[in-house]
Protein backbone atom coordinates (compact mmCIF):
# COMPACT_ATOMS: atom_id res chain seq x y z
CA MET A 1 23.34 14.59 16.41
CA SER A 2 23.62 11.09 17.79
CA GLU A 3 23.02 8.04 15.65
CA MET A 4 19.85 5.97 15.85
CA PHE A 5 18.36 2.82 14.46
CA CYS A 6 14.64 2.11 14.28
CA PHE A 7 12.70 -0.28 12.08
CA GLN A 8 9.51 -0.76 14.07
CA CYS A 9 7.08 0.70 11.50
CA GLN A 10 6.25 -0.19 7.90
CA GLU A 11 7.77 3.02 6.54
CA ALA A 12 11.29 2.30 7.83
CA ALA A 13 13.73 4.14 5.59
CA LYS A 14 14.73 2.18 2.46
CA GLY A 15 12.76 -0.77 3.84
CA SER A 16 15.53 -1.50 6.34
CA GLY A 17 15.61 1.11 9.12
CA CYS A 18 15.82 4.80 9.98
CA THR A 19 19.35 5.86 10.93
CA ILE A 20 19.37 9.69 10.88
CA GLN A 21 15.80 10.70 11.67
CA GLY A 22 12.62 8.69 11.77
CA VAL A 23 10.38 8.78 8.72
CA CYS A 24 7.70 9.48 11.33
CA GLY A 25 9.56 12.68 12.22
CA LYS A 26 11.13 11.66 15.53
CA THR A 27 14.65 12.88 16.11
CA SER A 28 17.60 10.62 16.80
CA GLU A 29 17.57 11.94 20.39
CA VAL A 30 13.99 10.82 20.93
CA ALA A 31 14.62 7.47 19.22
CA ASN A 32 17.59 6.79 21.48
CA LEU A 33 15.74 7.86 24.62
CA GLN A 34 12.91 5.52 23.67
CA ASP A 35 15.46 2.70 23.39
CA LEU A 36 16.79 3.55 26.83
CA LEU A 37 13.31 3.69 28.34
CA LEU A 38 12.65 0.22 26.93
CA TYR A 39 15.92 -0.98 28.44
CA THR A 40 14.86 0.48 31.78
CA LEU A 41 11.49 -1.31 31.54
CA LYS A 42 13.30 -4.58 30.91
CA GLY A 43 15.34 -4.02 34.06
CA ILE A 44 12.25 -3.24 36.13
CA SER A 45 10.61 -6.35 34.71
CA ILE A 46 13.50 -8.56 35.83
CA PHE A 47 12.93 -7.46 39.42
CA ALA A 48 9.11 -7.45 39.14
CA GLN A 49 9.21 -11.01 37.81
CA ARG A 50 11.29 -12.10 40.78
CA GLY A 51 8.82 -10.32 43.02
CA ARG A 52 5.94 -12.25 41.51
CA GLY A 53 7.77 -15.43 42.42
CA LEU A 54 7.56 -14.27 46.03
CA GLY A 55 3.92 -13.24 45.75
CA ILE A 56 4.77 -9.52 45.51
CA THR A 57 2.98 -7.43 42.88
CA ASP A 58 2.61 -3.70 42.41
CA PRO A 59 -0.17 -1.96 40.40
CA ALA A 60 1.98 1.19 40.11
CA THR A 61 4.70 -0.82 38.35
CA GLU A 62 2.19 -2.38 35.99
CA LYS A 63 0.71 1.03 35.14
CA PHE A 64 4.15 2.53 34.57
CA ILE A 65 5.28 -0.27 32.28
CA THR A 66 2.10 -0.21 30.20
CA GLY A 67 2.04 3.57 29.84
CA SER A 68 5.74 3.73 29.00
CA MET A 69 5.44 1.04 26.34
CA PHE A 70 2.49 2.92 24.84
CA ALA A 71 4.51 6.16 24.69
CA THR A 72 7.15 4.46 22.51
CA ILE A 73 4.68 3.38 19.81
CA THR A 74 5.12 5.03 16.42
CA ASN A 75 3.66 8.57 16.21
CA ALA A 76 2.75 8.79 19.90
CA ASN A 77 5.25 11.06 21.64
CA PHE A 78 8.07 13.16 20.18
CA THR A 79 9.12 15.04 23.34
CA PRO A 80 12.65 14.33 24.67
CA GLU A 81 11.83 15.64 28.14
CA HIS A 82 8.95 13.21 28.43
CA PHE A 83 11.24 10.23 27.94
CA THR A 84 14.04 11.60 30.12
CA ALA A 85 11.58 12.04 32.97
CA ARG A 86 10.16 8.55 32.47
CA ILE A 87 13.60 6.98 32.45
CA ARG A 88 14.45 8.62 35.77
CA GLU A 89 11.06 7.65 37.19
CA GLY A 90 11.67 4.09 36.01
CA LEU A 91 15.06 3.91 37.70
CA ALA A 92 13.51 5.09 40.97
CA LEU A 93 10.86 2.42 40.62
CA ARG A 94 13.50 -0.19 39.93
CA ASP A 95 15.37 0.80 43.08
CA GLN A 96 12.17 0.47 45.08
CA TRP A 97 11.92 -3.09 43.80
CA ARG A 98 15.50 -3.80 44.81
CA ASN A 99 14.76 -2.59 48.33
CA ARG A 100 11.57 -4.65 48.50
CA LEU A 101 13.36 -7.79 47.42
CA ASP A 102 16.23 -7.09 49.77
CA SER A 103 13.78 -6.69 52.64
CA ALA A 104 12.17 -9.98 51.64
CA GLY A 105 15.56 -11.67 51.90
CA ALA A 106 15.80 -12.32 48.17
CA GLU A 107 19.49 -11.56 47.92
CA ALA A 108 19.83 -13.39 44.62
CA ALA A 109 17.60 -10.76 43.06
CA LEU A 110 20.25 -8.12 43.67
CA SER A 111 22.66 -9.64 41.19
CA GLY A 112 21.73 -9.97 37.54
CA HIS A 113 21.73 -8.34 34.17
CA ASP A 114 23.13 -4.86 33.52
CA ALA A 115 19.63 -3.69 32.61
CA ALA A 116 18.64 -4.06 36.23
CA LEU A 117 21.71 -2.42 37.73
CA TRP A 118 22.88 0.60 35.69
CA THR A 119 22.70 4.11 37.16
CA ALA A 120 21.87 7.40 35.48
CA GLY A 121 23.95 10.54 35.38
CA THR A 122 23.31 13.69 33.36
CA ASP A 123 21.01 13.87 30.36
CA GLU A 124 24.12 13.57 28.19
CA ASP A 125 25.05 10.41 30.06
CA LEU A 126 21.60 9.01 29.30
CA LEU A 127 22.11 9.53 25.57
CA LEU A 128 25.50 7.82 25.72
CA LYS A 129 23.96 4.88 27.55
CA ALA A 130 21.11 4.79 25.03
CA GLN A 131 23.53 4.18 22.17
CA GLU A 132 24.74 1.03 23.91
CA VAL A 133 21.33 -0.61 24.36
CA GLY A 134 19.38 -0.09 21.13
CA VAL A 135 18.12 -2.64 18.65
CA LEU A 136 21.54 -3.37 17.18
CA ALA A 137 22.98 -4.31 20.57
CA THR A 138 21.77 -7.84 19.76
CA GLU A 139 24.30 -8.99 17.19
CA HIS A 140 22.72 -12.28 16.06
CA GLU A 141 20.29 -11.33 13.29
CA ASP A 142 17.65 -13.99 13.98
CA ILE A 143 17.69 -13.54 17.75
CA ARG A 144 17.41 -9.77 17.20
CA SER A 145 14.47 -10.31 14.85
CA LEU A 146 12.60 -12.52 17.33
CA ARG A 147 13.30 -10.16 20.22
CA GLU A 148 12.00 -7.19 18.27
CA LEU A 149 8.94 -9.10 17.03
CA LEU A 150 8.13 -9.92 20.67
CA THR A 151 8.83 -6.36 21.79
CA TYR A 152 6.56 -4.85 19.13
CA GLY A 153 3.83 -7.33 20.00
CA LEU A 154 4.15 -6.21 23.62
CA LYS A 155 3.90 -2.56 22.53
CA GLY A 156 0.66 -3.32 20.71
CA MET A 157 -0.62 -5.19 23.77
CA ALA A 158 0.26 -2.19 25.94
CA ALA A 159 -1.88 0.08 23.78
CA TYR A 160 -4.95 -2.13 24.17
CA MET A 161 -4.26 -2.62 27.89
CA GLU A 162 -3.98 1.14 28.40
CA HIS A 163 -7.30 1.85 26.68
CA ALA A 164 -9.01 -0.81 28.80
CA ALA A 165 -7.34 0.36 32.02
CA VAL A 166 -8.63 3.94 31.72
CA LEU A 167 -12.12 2.42 31.74
CA GLY A 168 -11.30 0.33 34.81
CA TYR A 169 -10.60 -3.03 33.13
CA VAL A 170 -7.39 -5.02 33.63
CA GLU A 171 -6.15 -8.48 32.69
CA PRO A 172 -3.76 -9.81 35.38
CA ASP A 173 -2.35 -12.58 33.17
CA ALA A 174 -1.49 -10.04 30.47
CA GLN A 175 0.21 -7.79 33.03
CA ALA A 176 2.33 -10.73 34.18
CA PHE A 177 3.19 -11.68 30.59
CA MET A 178 4.23 -8.11 29.81
CA GLU A 179 6.91 -8.37 32.50
CA LYS A 180 7.86 -11.90 31.46
CA GLY A 181 8.23 -10.87 27.84
CA LEU A 182 10.30 -7.77 28.59
CA ALA A 183 12.61 -9.68 30.91
CA SER A 184 12.97 -12.49 28.35
CA VAL A 185 14.21 -10.12 25.67
CA LEU A 186 17.38 -9.69 27.72
CA ASP A 187 17.87 -13.37 28.50
CA ASP A 188 20.85 -14.51 26.45
CA THR A 189 20.24 -18.14 27.42
CA LEU A 190 17.00 -18.32 25.41
CA SER A 191 17.19 -20.14 22.08
CA GLY A 192 15.44 -19.14 18.88
CA ASP A 193 12.80 -21.82 19.49
CA GLU A 194 12.15 -20.51 22.99
CA LEU A 195 11.80 -16.95 21.73
CA THR A 196 9.46 -18.16 18.98
CA ALA A 197 7.30 -19.82 21.64
CA LEU A 198 7.17 -16.51 23.53
CA VAL A 199 6.14 -14.68 20.35
CA LEU A 200 3.23 -17.10 19.89
CA GLU A 201 2.33 -16.77 23.57
CA CYS A 202 2.23 -13.02 22.98
CA GLY A 203 -0.39 -13.71 20.29
CA LYS A 204 -2.43 -15.69 22.80
CA MET A 205 -2.27 -12.80 25.26
CA GLY A 206 -3.13 -10.44 22.42
CA VAL A 207 -6.45 -12.24 21.95
CA ALA A 208 -7.15 -11.94 25.68
CA VAL A 209 -6.32 -8.23 25.73
CA MET A 210 -8.41 -7.48 22.63
CA ALA A 211 -11.33 -9.30 24.27
CA LEU A 212 -10.75 -7.24 27.42
CA LEU A 213 -10.85 -3.96 25.51
CA ASP A 214 -13.96 -5.04 23.63
CA ARG A 215 -15.63 -5.78 26.97
CA ALA A 216 -14.46 -2.46 28.42
CA ASN A 217 -15.78 -0.42 25.48
CA THR A 218 -19.10 -2.19 25.06
CA SER A 219 -19.84 -2.39 28.80
CA THR A 220 -19.15 1.34 29.14
CA TYR A 221 -20.64 2.73 25.94
CA GLY A 222 -22.89 -0.04 24.59
CA ASN A 223 -22.51 -2.30 21.57
CA PRO A 224 -21.73 -0.37 18.37
CA GLU A 225 -24.76 0.07 16.13
CA ILE A 226 -25.00 0.27 12.35
CA THR A 227 -24.78 4.03 11.82
CA LYS A 228 -24.70 6.59 9.02
CA VAL A 229 -22.05 9.21 9.76
CA ASN A 230 -22.13 12.70 8.28
CA ILE A 231 -18.89 13.71 6.52
CA GLY A 232 -19.94 17.30 5.84
CA VAL A 233 -19.70 20.29 8.18
CA GLY A 234 -22.02 22.57 10.11
CA THR A 235 -22.05 26.33 10.55
CA ARG A 236 -20.75 26.52 14.11
CA PRO A 237 -17.18 26.48 15.43
CA GLY A 238 -15.84 23.00 16.05
CA ILE A 239 -13.28 20.90 17.89
CA LEU A 240 -11.67 17.98 16.06
CA ILE A 241 -10.72 14.91 18.09
CA SER A 242 -8.30 12.33 16.75
CA GLY A 243 -6.48 9.29 18.11
CA HIS A 244 -8.33 6.39 19.76
CA ASP A 245 -9.33 7.17 23.35
CA LEU A 246 -13.10 6.88 23.92
CA LYS A 247 -12.93 8.18 27.49
CA ASP A 248 -11.43 11.43 26.20
CA MET A 249 -14.21 11.48 23.61
CA GLU A 250 -16.82 11.19 26.35
CA SER A 251 -15.23 13.91 28.49
CA LEU A 252 -15.00 16.31 25.55
CA LEU A 253 -18.63 15.76 24.58
CA LYS A 254 -19.80 16.36 28.14
CA GLN A 255 -17.75 19.52 28.54
CA THR A 256 -18.78 21.01 25.17
CA GLU A 257 -22.50 20.43 25.68
CA GLY A 258 -24.38 23.73 25.53
CA THR A 259 -21.29 25.78 24.60
CA GLY A 260 -22.19 26.39 20.96
CA VAL A 261 -19.18 24.33 19.87
CA ASP A 262 -19.57 21.22 17.72
CA VAL A 263 -17.37 18.12 17.96
CA TYR A 264 -16.04 16.23 14.94
CA THR A 265 -14.03 13.02 14.78
CA HIS A 266 -10.95 12.42 12.66
CA SER A 267 -9.32 9.20 11.45
CA GLU A 268 -9.56 6.40 14.06
CA MET A 269 -12.09 8.33 16.16
CA LEU A 270 -14.72 7.87 13.43
CA PRO A 271 -16.10 4.70 15.12
CA ALA A 272 -17.06 6.72 18.21
CA HIS A 273 -20.21 7.58 16.23
CA TYR A 274 -21.26 3.94 16.37
CA TYR A 275 -21.57 3.78 20.18
CA PRO A 276 -25.05 4.37 21.66
CA ALA A 277 -23.68 6.41 24.58
CA PHE A 278 -22.45 9.16 22.24
CA LYS A 279 -25.56 9.41 20.07
CA LYS A 280 -27.40 11.56 22.63
CA TYR A 281 -25.10 14.54 22.01
CA SER A 282 -26.70 16.74 19.34
CA HIS A 283 -23.45 18.69 18.88
CA PHE A 284 -21.59 15.51 17.88
CA VAL A 285 -21.74 16.48 14.21
CA GLY A 286 -19.77 13.98 12.14
CA ASN A 287 -16.38 12.90 10.82
CA TYR A 288 -13.93 15.30 9.20
CA GLY A 289 -11.31 14.14 6.77
CA ASN A 290 -9.51 10.86 6.37
CA ALA A 291 -6.66 8.80 7.82
CA TRP A 292 -3.97 10.09 10.18
CA TRP A 293 -1.35 10.84 7.53
CA LYS A 294 -3.47 13.55 5.91
CA GLN A 295 -3.72 15.59 9.09
CA ASN A 296 -1.30 18.32 7.96
CA GLU A 297 -3.71 19.57 5.31
CA GLU A 298 -6.94 18.59 7.06
CA PHE A 299 -6.03 20.10 10.44
CA ALA A 300 -5.16 23.35 8.68
CA SER A 301 -8.55 23.57 6.94
CA PHE A 302 -10.53 22.57 10.04
CA ASN A 303 -9.95 26.08 11.46
CA GLY A 304 -10.72 25.09 15.06
CA PRO A 305 -8.64 23.37 17.75
CA ILE A 306 -7.60 19.73 17.48
CA LEU A 307 -7.22 17.25 20.35
CA MET A 308 -4.83 14.32 19.83
CA THR A 309 -5.72 11.64 22.37
CA THR A 310 -3.26 8.86 21.51
CA ASN A 311 -0.76 7.83 18.85
CA CYS A 312 -1.12 9.01 15.23
CA ILE A 313 0.15 12.56 15.67
CA VAL A 314 2.60 13.75 12.99
CA PRO A 315 4.95 16.76 13.26
CA PRO A 316 2.54 19.71 13.00
CA LYS A 317 2.66 22.59 10.56
CA ASP A 318 2.85 26.22 11.66
CA SER A 319 -0.61 26.73 10.16
CA TYR A 320 -2.26 24.92 13.06
CA ILE A 321 0.31 24.20 15.76
CA ASN A 322 -1.20 26.90 17.99
CA ARG A 323 -4.55 25.07 17.72
CA LEU A 324 -3.17 21.62 18.50
CA TYR A 325 -3.46 19.95 21.92
CA THR A 326 -2.21 16.58 23.15
CA THR A 327 -3.24 14.48 26.12
CA GLY A 328 -2.44 11.12 27.70
CA HIS A 329 0.85 9.58 26.55
CA THR A 330 0.90 11.67 23.38
CA GLY A 331 3.10 14.73 23.00
CA PHE A 332 5.09 16.98 20.72
CA PRO A 333 7.55 19.79 21.60
CA GLY A 334 5.84 23.18 21.70
CA VAL A 335 2.33 21.71 21.63
CA GLN A 336 -0.03 22.38 24.54
CA HIS A 337 -0.53 19.27 26.68
CA ILE A 338 -3.59 18.62 28.83
CA ALA A 339 -2.70 16.36 31.73
CA ALA A 340 -5.13 14.43 33.89
CA GLY A 341 -5.99 16.04 37.19
CA GLU A 342 -7.50 14.58 40.31
CA ASN A 343 -9.35 11.31 39.79
CA GLU A 344 -7.77 11.16 36.31
CA GLU A 345 -10.24 13.77 35.03
CA LYS A 346 -9.17 16.19 32.28
CA ASP A 347 -10.18 19.82 31.91
CA PHE A 348 -10.73 20.79 28.27
CA THR A 349 -11.74 24.39 29.01
CA ALA A 350 -8.77 25.88 27.12
CA ILE A 351 -9.72 24.00 23.95
CA ILE A 352 -13.37 24.97 24.24
CA GLU A 353 -12.64 28.65 24.81
CA GLN A 354 -10.28 28.76 21.83
CA ALA A 355 -12.87 27.01 19.65
CA LYS A 356 -15.48 29.69 20.38
CA ASN A 357 -13.28 32.27 18.62
CA CYS A 358 -12.55 30.14 15.53
CA GLU A 359 -14.25 30.00 12.15
CA PRO A 360 -16.37 26.91 11.33
CA PRO A 361 -14.54 24.10 9.52
CA THR A 362 -13.89 24.47 5.81
CA GLU A 363 -15.95 21.85 3.99
CA LEU A 364 -13.93 19.00 2.45
CA GLU A 365 -16.76 16.77 1.24
CA THR A 366 -20.42 16.00 1.77
CA GLY A 367 -22.50 12.90 2.25
CA GLU A 368 -22.48 9.95 4.65
CA ILE A 369 -20.53 6.78 5.31
CA VAL A 370 -21.88 3.70 7.06
CA GLY A 371 -20.18 1.78 9.85
CA GLY A 372 -20.80 0.04 13.14
CA PHE A 373 -20.52 -3.56 11.97
CA ALA A 374 -18.90 -4.87 15.13
CA HIS A 375 -19.58 -8.46 16.12
CA ALA A 376 -22.87 -7.79 17.94
CA ALA A 377 -24.30 -5.87 14.97
CA VAL A 378 -23.19 -8.50 12.45
CA MET A 379 -24.56 -11.31 14.60
CA SER A 380 -27.90 -9.51 14.75
CA VAL A 381 -28.18 -10.03 10.98
CA ALA A 382 -26.40 -13.38 10.99
CA ASP A 383 -29.33 -15.19 9.39
CA GLN A 384 -29.26 -12.72 6.51
CA VAL A 385 -25.52 -13.18 6.07
CA VAL A 386 -25.71 -16.98 6.23
CA GLU A 387 -28.56 -17.06 3.72
CA ALA A 388 -26.57 -14.84 1.35
CA VAL A 389 -23.59 -17.21 1.60
CA GLN A 390 -25.71 -20.34 1.16
CA SER A 391 -27.52 -18.88 -1.85
CA GLY A 392 -24.25 -17.88 -3.46
CA ALA A 393 -25.04 -14.16 -3.30
CA ILE A 394 -21.92 -13.77 -1.17
CA LYS A 395 -19.08 -15.92 -2.47
CA GLN A 396 -16.24 -14.68 -0.31
CA PHE A 397 -15.26 -12.32 2.54
CA PHE A 398 -12.03 -10.33 2.48
CA VAL A 399 -10.52 -9.13 5.76
CA MET A 400 -8.81 -5.88 4.79
CA ALA A 401 -8.16 -4.53 8.26
CA GLY A 402 -5.12 -2.64 9.49
CA CYS A 403 -3.45 0.70 8.89
CA ASP A 404 -3.24 3.40 6.26
CA GLY A 405 -0.06 5.28 5.50
CA ARG A 406 1.72 7.75 3.26
CA MET A 407 3.31 5.43 0.72
CA LYS A 408 1.81 5.56 -2.78
CA SER A 409 2.09 1.77 -2.86
CA ARG A 410 -0.88 1.71 -0.47
CA ASN A 411 -3.12 2.73 -3.37
CA TYR A 412 -2.97 -1.00 -4.07
CA TYR A 413 -5.69 -1.45 -1.43
CA THR A 414 -7.99 1.07 -3.10
CA ASP A 415 -7.52 -0.64 -6.44
CA PHE A 416 -7.92 -4.09 -4.88
CA ALA A 417 -11.22 -3.13 -3.23
CA ALA A 418 -12.50 -1.55 -6.44
CA GLU A 419 -11.62 -4.65 -8.48
CA LEU A 420 -13.21 -7.19 -6.13
CA PRO A 421 -16.12 -9.09 -7.70
CA GLY A 422 -19.59 -7.87 -6.78
CA ASP A 423 -20.32 -11.05 -4.81
CA THR A 424 -17.61 -10.33 -2.22
CA VAL A 425 -17.75 -8.44 1.10
CA ILE A 426 -14.93 -6.56 2.85
CA LEU A 427 -14.55 -6.90 6.62
CA THR A 428 -12.44 -4.06 8.00
CA ALA A 429 -11.23 -2.33 11.16
CA GLY A 430 -8.60 0.35 11.57
CA CYS A 431 -7.70 3.31 9.41
CA ALA A 432 -7.00 1.05 6.41
CA LYS A 433 -10.71 1.57 5.71
CA TYR A 434 -10.02 5.05 4.39
CA LYS A 435 -8.50 3.51 1.29
CA TYR A 436 -11.94 2.28 0.19
CA ASN A 437 -14.77 3.24 2.59
CA LYS A 438 -15.90 6.08 0.35
CA LEU A 439 -16.01 4.00 -2.83
CA ALA A 440 -19.45 3.24 -4.24
CA LEU A 441 -19.19 -0.54 -3.82
CA GLY A 442 -22.92 -1.08 -3.26
CA GLU A 443 -24.71 -3.79 -1.30
CA ILE A 444 -25.62 -7.47 -1.49
CA GLY A 445 -29.22 -8.06 -0.46
CA GLY A 446 -29.13 -5.02 1.83
CA ILE A 447 -25.70 -5.92 3.26
CA PRO A 448 -23.09 -3.22 2.50
CA ARG A 449 -20.02 -4.59 0.75
CA VAL A 450 -17.78 -2.79 3.26
CA LEU A 451 -18.49 -3.80 6.85
CA ASP A 452 -16.54 -1.48 9.14
CA ALA A 453 -16.15 -2.92 12.66
CA GLY A 454 -14.40 0.18 14.00
CA GLN A 455 -10.92 1.16 15.15
CA CYS A 456 -7.82 -0.99 14.94
CA ASN A 457 -8.69 -1.47 18.63
CA ASP A 458 -11.84 -3.27 17.43
CA SER A 459 -10.06 -5.89 15.35
CA TYR A 460 -11.31 -8.42 17.89
CA SER A 461 -14.75 -8.08 16.29
CA LEU A 462 -13.41 -9.56 13.07
CA VAL A 463 -12.08 -12.53 15.03
CA VAL A 464 -15.45 -13.06 16.74
CA ILE A 465 -17.29 -12.83 13.41
CA ALA A 466 -14.96 -15.40 11.82
CA MET A 467 -15.26 -17.80 14.77
CA LYS A 468 -19.05 -17.44 14.76
CA LEU A 469 -19.25 -18.16 11.02
CA LYS A 470 -17.06 -21.21 11.55
CA GLU A 471 -19.53 -22.41 14.18
CA VAL A 472 -22.61 -21.63 12.08
CA PHE A 473 -21.26 -23.53 9.09
CA GLY A 474 -20.08 -26.43 11.26
CA LEU A 475 -16.47 -26.22 10.15
CA ALA A 476 -13.57 -27.79 12.02
CA ASP A 477 -10.95 -25.31 10.82
CA ILE A 478 -11.23 -21.53 10.59
CA ASN A 479 -9.23 -21.71 7.36
CA ASP A 480 -12.10 -23.59 5.68
CA LEU A 481 -14.23 -20.44 5.76
CA PRO A 482 -14.60 -18.44 2.53
CA ILE A 483 -12.48 -15.69 4.13
CA ALA A 484 -9.24 -14.31 2.71
CA TYR A 485 -6.86 -12.02 4.62
CA ASN A 486 -5.26 -9.11 2.78
CA ILE A 487 -4.06 -6.90 5.61
CA ALA A 488 -2.22 -3.57 5.58
CA TRP A 489 0.07 -2.83 8.50
CA TYR A 490 1.91 0.24 9.73
CA GLU A 491 2.75 0.08 13.43
CA GLN A 492 2.89 -2.10 16.50
CA LYS A 493 -0.83 -2.51 17.17
CA ALA A 494 -1.03 -4.22 13.80
CA VAL A 495 1.79 -6.52 14.97
CA ILE A 496 -0.21 -7.79 17.96
CA VAL A 497 -3.27 -8.29 15.73
CA LEU A 498 -1.14 -10.39 13.38
CA LEU A 499 0.24 -12.47 16.26
CA ALA A 500 -3.29 -12.93 17.61
CA LEU A 501 -4.46 -14.26 14.24
CA LEU A 502 -1.52 -16.66 14.12
CA HIS A 503 -2.36 -17.91 17.61
CA LEU A 504 -5.92 -18.60 16.43
CA GLY A 505 -4.55 -20.71 13.61
CA VAL A 506 -5.34 -18.35 10.72
CA LYS A 507 -3.10 -19.12 7.75
CA ASN A 508 -2.24 -17.66 4.36
CA ILE A 509 -2.37 -14.02 5.45
CA HIS A 510 -1.16 -11.53 2.87
CA LEU A 511 0.62 -8.63 4.59
CA GLY A 512 1.64 -5.39 2.95
CA PRO A 513 2.51 -3.11 1.42
CA THR A 514 5.86 -4.56 2.51
CA LEU A 515 6.81 -7.25 4.99
CA PRO A 516 8.27 -5.90 8.27
CA ALA A 517 11.91 -4.87 8.10
CA PHE A 518 12.47 -6.42 11.52
CA LEU A 519 11.86 -9.93 10.15
CA SER A 520 15.20 -11.53 9.31
CA PRO A 521 15.19 -13.85 6.26
CA ASN A 522 15.20 -16.91 8.51
CA VAL A 523 12.41 -15.68 10.77
CA ALA A 524 10.37 -14.64 7.74
CA LYS A 525 10.89 -18.14 6.28
CA VAL A 526 9.53 -19.73 9.47
CA LEU A 527 6.40 -17.57 9.23
CA VAL A 528 6.00 -18.41 5.55
CA ASP A 529 6.54 -22.15 6.02
CA THR A 530 4.44 -22.47 9.18
CA PHE A 531 1.62 -20.01 8.59
CA GLY A 532 1.72 -19.26 4.86
CA ILE A 533 2.32 -15.54 5.40
CA SER A 534 3.22 -13.70 2.22
CA GLY A 535 3.56 -10.19 0.89
CA ILE A 536 1.41 -8.57 -1.77
CA THR A 537 2.23 -8.48 -5.49
CA THR A 538 -0.09 -6.83 -8.02
CA VAL A 539 -3.84 -6.44 -7.74
CA LYS A 540 -4.35 -8.72 -10.73
CA GLU A 541 -2.06 -11.50 -9.47
CA ASP A 542 -3.34 -11.39 -5.90
CA MET A 543 -6.96 -11.27 -7.04
CA GLU A 544 -6.45 -14.36 -9.17
CA HIS A 545 -4.78 -16.14 -6.26
CA PHE A 546 -7.56 -15.31 -3.78
CA ILE A 547 -10.43 -16.11 -6.11
CA ALA A 548 -8.83 -19.39 -7.21
CA ALA A 549 -8.48 -20.42 -3.55
CA VAL A 550 -12.27 -20.46 -2.98
């Protein structure tokens, strides 16, 4: 088994990095192939950047880079063959760029960094090359830290760009920055200050991309509405859909209509219930289970087939692997994959037919949870919110967005939410909500104390709400709002959200349950000194700090 090194997620082994196998379950082979794919993308980007300077662009290149970056996100794809094929496809694309530039007379473009010029041999040769180009190839600790922070921000951007692109929405400036950022990671002439500037520029592009995805989702499916979602089960067979992709959600609902099969959401697909376009489907029954990391037990008890649309898959158990399907950039060895056909349409017939012969889901719980508090919904009751703040009924908002995860230390967020004073409101997005969205926290004047804006993809709503409140209260600085940030992170989409908040000038963010392992002491110090970022301590200490700050 070849060696690996990966520290891109919060659960990096021993808080420093996975070196034998990923905590996520990916093998060293997959980890190394992902490193090599990233290296290939950097090489393509060098040429594509030079092409842009000559007025040459290529949508196929942009699509390949975005999709490939998405596939390397934590818990997205575990299939070695997928990455080997992408690496070879990337090298062919790179060579096309070389020929284009040569034809354009850009001879200087044909000399440059190794990333743009290496050639592939056998699969074994690829693995040997991969060991030369991973994270640790950058020896200087601070430069490595900044390069990885930029790379993970770009991965998060790619996820949002991919979701928007499948709905027909693109952001040309973000596409150009993706190439610029990837090429810059290999530029040994860049100083720490220059890399820091690129990291902050990534945050700026993150805001633009989150706004793009918000526009794509709401234009296609309507503005999310305040909705009560059933968490019990029905009596008919069901299909469980997890991940994040709303287009896959739409296709599955259309294809299951009239089949006698119900559809349930899991984890980050819960917010699909908030969109008006999906409310017309009577067989769209409710949400089953909790956050992504509980899928081993919850997928087993669901009894029917499960469709994983994007990242968040974990190595499946034998009890349900023959009922598990992947699609898009998601994959796992031995799991059935449904690829897009003509016109990017997907045929879910195999899932539907299997579902018809399955038992109904085993009930986990009963009742309802409320969500749909995206920016349009919150602004529709803005007067009520403002009045509650002005009267003192609401003293403070807590942004507790982000990710859930396996570590027991994440119970901190459940305890923190439970201990918050009754005159506070939680603003959330992402699967972090599962740490507290089923607690009986009550309401303030009819306003629920947990306002769920949606997926991690919907974090933009929290930004819009904060900016609107700043405007309503006539404040010059967003940090003067009675809003505290106690955010849980896990993977790279949370990284781009963090960088976006920093670009917007938000300070004093608490980030946990641990600070990223890819932040060197010096880079972490810059973030602390410049933006006031800190880790979490105990519920009691942090609560006292936040309340005293009001």
